[in-house]
Amino acid sequence: DIYDDAVDLIRLVENILSVTRFHNAGAAIKKSDEVAEDILGAAIAKFKRSYPQIQLTVMAPDDLIIVPMDAVLIEQVLLNFLENAVIHGKTTAQIQLRLSVVDGSAVFEVRDDGVGIDTDRLKTIFEGKLETPAAQPVDAKRNMGIGLSVCSSIIQAHGGTIGARNHPDGGAVFAFTLPTGEDETWKSKIES
């Protein structure tokens, strides 16, 4: 229990430092070309150690997707999405993790089968405000409410987009995009 609490505390400190770093106007991230599927694998391995009971389905294209990114930070975003699906989904038993390419951007999507997101909460979900119902105690094991703010800052620093919605069939969907660096217009001119 002490070890788990220490890991949670380390993660909290890392998140606070990340928020500070990315809200600083002079901050820049160091990107290198990474295989997106490798980042998925690293995040999944960490997630499965903490939540082995959750059924995880991964969908990715057959071709490798190379994305300029800070691999550690993008892995943190994926891990935050996966953990939030369990913590805030409450009834989550299955999670789908999907990777695709749309219009020159890599799209990472995490969908759960939990309770979904309150409609009013969707408007401010990436602002980092902790909103816990009075009847629900906050303890050291629960998410501290800053993870999604960190995720938003990281994705914006990469030049990507981030969003959340409820799926029509139930559960929540969190997704972000990262530019692949491939100019589709330039590519189509070469092919013609």
Protein backbone atom coordinates (compact mmCIF):
# COMPACT_ATOMS: atom_id res chain seq x y z
CA ASP A 1 0.00 0.00 0.00
CA ILE A 2 2.85 2.38 0.82
CA TYR A 3 4.48 1.61 -2.53
CA ASP A 4 1.19 2.20 -4.40
CA ASP A 5 0.67 5.49 -2.58
CA ALA A 6 4.24 6.55 -3.44
CA VAL A 7 3.65 5.74 -7.12
CA ASP A 8 0.42 7.78 -7.06
CA LEU A 9 2.26 10.68 -5.44
CA ILE A 10 5.04 10.54 -8.03
CA ARG A 11 2.45 10.56 -10.83
CA LEU A 12 0.70 13.55 -9.22
CA VAL A 13 3.97 15.51 -8.96
CA GLU A 14 4.84 14.65 -12.59
CA ASN A 15 1.42 15.93 -13.69
CA ILE A 16 1.81 19.19 -11.77
CA LEU A 17 5.27 19.73 -13.26
CA SER A 18 3.91 18.99 -16.74
CA VAL A 19 1.11 21.53 -16.34
CA THR A 20 3.59 24.17 -15.17
CA ARG A 21 5.95 23.41 -18.04
CA PHE A 22 3.33 23.60 -20.79
CA HIS A 23 1.53 26.67 -19.47
CA ASN A 24 4.84 28.52 -19.53
CA ALA A 25 4.93 30.41 -22.84
CA GLY A 26 8.61 29.65 -23.38
CA ALA A 27 8.23 25.90 -22.96
CA ALA A 28 8.98 23.66 -25.90
CA ILE A 29 8.90 19.91 -26.26
CA LYS A 30 11.54 17.77 -27.90
CA LYS A 31 10.00 15.54 -30.54
CA SER A 32 11.51 12.57 -32.27
CA ASP A 33 10.00 10.20 -34.82
CA GLU A 34 8.34 7.37 -32.90
CA VAL A 35 6.34 4.31 -33.92
CA ALA A 36 2.84 5.01 -32.56
CA GLU A 37 2.14 1.32 -32.01
CA ASP A 38 5.17 1.09 -29.66
CA ILE A 39 3.75 3.91 -27.54
CA LEU A 40 0.40 2.10 -27.38
CA GLY A 41 2.19 -1.06 -26.25
CA ALA A 42 4.09 0.73 -23.49
CA ALA A 43 0.93 2.40 -22.13
CA ILE A 44 -1.02 -0.87 -22.29
CA ALA A 45 1.70 -2.77 -20.39
CA LYS A 46 1.62 -0.24 -17.52
CA PHE A 47 -2.17 -0.17 -17.48
CA LYS A 48 -2.51 -3.98 -17.39
CA ARG A 49 -0.25 -4.18 -14.32
CA SER A 50 -2.71 -2.03 -12.37
CA TYR A 51 -5.96 -3.22 -13.97
CA PRO A 52 -5.55 -6.84 -15.12
CA GLN A 53 -9.30 -7.48 -14.80
CA ILE A 54 -10.23 -4.96 -17.53
CA GLN A 55 -10.70 -6.43 -21.01
CA LEU A 56 -8.69 -4.33 -23.47
CA THR A 57 -9.16 -4.48 -27.25
CA VAL A 58 -6.61 -2.78 -29.48
CA MET A 59 -7.28 -1.81 -33.10
CA ALA A 60 -4.48 -0.43 -35.28
CA PRO A 61 -3.70 -0.41 -39.00
CA ASP A 62 -1.32 -2.98 -40.47
CA ASP A 63 1.12 -0.27 -41.59
CA LEU A 64 3.38 1.35 -39.01
CA ILE A 65 2.50 4.92 -38.12
CA ILE A 66 5.48 7.19 -37.50
CA VAL A 67 4.65 10.31 -35.49
CA PRO A 68 6.95 13.12 -34.28
CA MET A 69 6.35 13.23 -30.51
CA ASP A 70 7.77 13.17 -27.03
CA ALA A 71 7.11 9.47 -26.42
CA VAL A 72 7.07 9.69 -22.60
CA LEU A 73 4.46 12.46 -22.59
CA ILE A 74 2.17 10.79 -25.15
CA GLU A 75 2.39 7.54 -23.20
CA GLN A 76 1.30 9.54 -20.12
CA VAL A 77 -1.74 10.89 -22.00
CA LEU A 78 -2.78 7.39 -23.07
CA LEU A 79 -2.27 6.05 -19.55
CA ASN A 80 -4.37 8.90 -18.08
CA PHE A 81 -7.18 8.13 -20.58
CA LEU A 82 -7.09 4.41 -19.76
CA GLU A 83 -7.01 4.92 -15.98
CA ASN A 84 -9.79 7.53 -16.13
CA ALA A 85 -11.94 5.07 -18.08
CA VAL A 86 -11.78 2.72 -15.09
CA ILE A 87 -11.83 5.26 -12.25
CA HIS A 88 -14.57 7.53 -13.57
CA GLY A 89 -16.40 4.97 -15.73
CA LYS A 90 -17.31 3.22 -12.45
CA THR A 91 -18.80 0.16 -14.21
CA THR A 92 -16.12 -0.15 -16.90
CA ALA A 93 -15.30 -3.76 -17.80
CA GLN A 94 -14.10 -3.26 -21.39
CA ILE A 95 -11.99 -0.62 -23.11
CA GLN A 96 -11.29 -0.21 -26.81
CA LEU A 97 -8.06 1.49 -27.82
CA ARG A 98 -8.01 2.51 -31.49
CA LEU A 99 -5.23 4.00 -33.60
CA SER A 100 -5.86 5.32 -37.10
CA VAL A 101 -4.70 7.97 -39.55
CA VAL A 102 -7.14 10.63 -40.76
CA ASP A 103 -6.15 13.58 -42.97
CA GLY A 104 -2.45 13.39 -42.11
CA SER A 105 -2.98 13.04 -38.36
CA ALA A 106 -2.64 10.02 -36.10
CA VAL A 107 -5.87 9.56 -34.14
CA PHE A 108 -5.70 7.86 -30.72
CA GLU A 109 -9.09 6.93 -29.26
CA VAL A 110 -10.04 5.33 -25.94
CA ARG A 111 -13.64 4.14 -25.57
CA ASP A 112 -15.05 2.53 -22.44
CA ASP A 113 -18.33 0.84 -21.55
CA GLY A 114 -18.77 2.74 -18.28
CA VAL A 115 -21.37 5.24 -17.14
CA GLY A 116 -20.31 8.02 -19.51
CA ILE A 117 -19.72 11.69 -18.75
CA ASP A 118 -22.26 14.08 -17.30
CA THR A 119 -23.28 16.47 -20.09
CA ASP A 120 -22.50 19.57 -18.00
CA ARG A 121 -19.04 18.17 -17.18
CA LEU A 122 -18.14 17.75 -20.88
CA LYS A 123 -17.80 21.52 -21.26
CA THR A 124 -15.03 21.82 -18.65
CA ILE A 125 -13.53 18.34 -18.59
CA PHE A 126 -10.07 19.46 -19.75
CA GLU A 127 -9.86 22.47 -17.39
CA GLY A 128 -8.46 20.51 -14.46
CA LYS A 129 -11.12 21.38 -11.91
CA LEU A 130 -11.79 18.73 -9.29
CA GLU A 131 -15.53 18.29 -8.99
CA THR A 132 -16.45 15.54 -6.59
CA PRO A 133 -20.02 15.06 -5.39
CA ALA A 134 -20.39 15.73 -1.65
CA ALA A 135 -21.40 12.13 -1.01
CA GLN A 136 -18.24 10.81 -2.67
CA PRO A 137 -15.12 10.96 -0.50
CA VAL A 138 -11.81 11.91 -2.07
CA ASP A 139 -8.98 9.58 -1.10
CA ALA A 140 -5.39 8.98 -2.17
CA LYS A 141 -6.40 6.27 -4.66
CA ARG A 142 -8.74 8.49 -6.68
CA ASN A 143 -7.78 10.69 -9.59
CA MET A 144 -6.86 14.15 -8.33
CA GLY A 145 -8.64 16.03 -11.14
CA ILE A 146 -5.59 17.39 -12.97
CA GLY A 147 -4.85 14.52 -15.34
CA LEU A 148 -7.02 15.74 -18.20
CA SER A 149 -5.68 19.28 -17.93
CA VAL A 150 -2.18 17.83 -18.29
CA CYS A 151 -3.31 15.76 -21.26
CA SER A 152 -4.74 18.83 -22.98
CA SER A 153 -1.54 20.81 -22.43
CA ILE A 154 0.63 17.99 -23.77
CA ILE A 155 -1.47 17.52 -26.91
CA GLN A 156 -1.64 21.27 -27.60
CA ALA A 157 2.15 21.48 -27.23
CA HIS A 158 2.38 18.78 -29.93
CA GLY A 159 0.13 20.78 -32.27
CA GLY A 160 -2.71 18.28 -31.92
CA THR A 161 -6.33 18.32 -30.83
CA ILE A 162 -8.10 16.64 -27.91
CA GLY A 163 -11.74 15.93 -27.13
CA ALA A 164 -14.25 13.86 -25.20
CA ARG A 165 -17.81 12.74 -25.85
CA ASN A 166 -20.35 10.15 -24.83
CA HIS A 167 -20.82 7.22 -27.20
CA PRO A 168 -24.43 6.67 -28.40
CA ASP A 169 -24.23 3.03 -27.23
CA GLY A 170 -23.00 4.06 -23.76
CA GLY A 171 -19.67 4.86 -22.19
CA ALA A 172 -17.21 7.66 -22.85
CA VAL A 173 -14.83 8.30 -25.75
CA PHE A 174 -11.62 10.30 -25.28
CA ALA A 175 -9.51 11.02 -28.33
CA PHE A 176 -6.56 13.08 -29.47
CA THR A 177 -4.80 13.70 -32.75
CA LEU A 178 -1.13 14.28 -33.50
CA PRO A 179 0.20 15.54 -36.83
CA THR A 180 2.21 12.81 -38.58
CA GLY A 181 4.36 15.37 -40.36
CA GLU A 182 3.36 13.96 -43.73
CA ASP A 183 1.98 16.54 -46.11
CA GLU A 184 -0.78 14.68 -47.97
CA THR A 185 -0.98 17.41 -50.66
CA TRP A 186 2.74 17.06 -51.42
CA LYS A 187 2.40 13.27 -51.40
CA SER A 188 -0.51 13.32 -53.88
CA LYS A 189 1.43 15.61 -56.26
CA ILE A 190 4.31 13.12 -56.35
CA GLU A 191 1.97 10.17 -56.97
CA SER A 192 0.22 11.90 -59.93
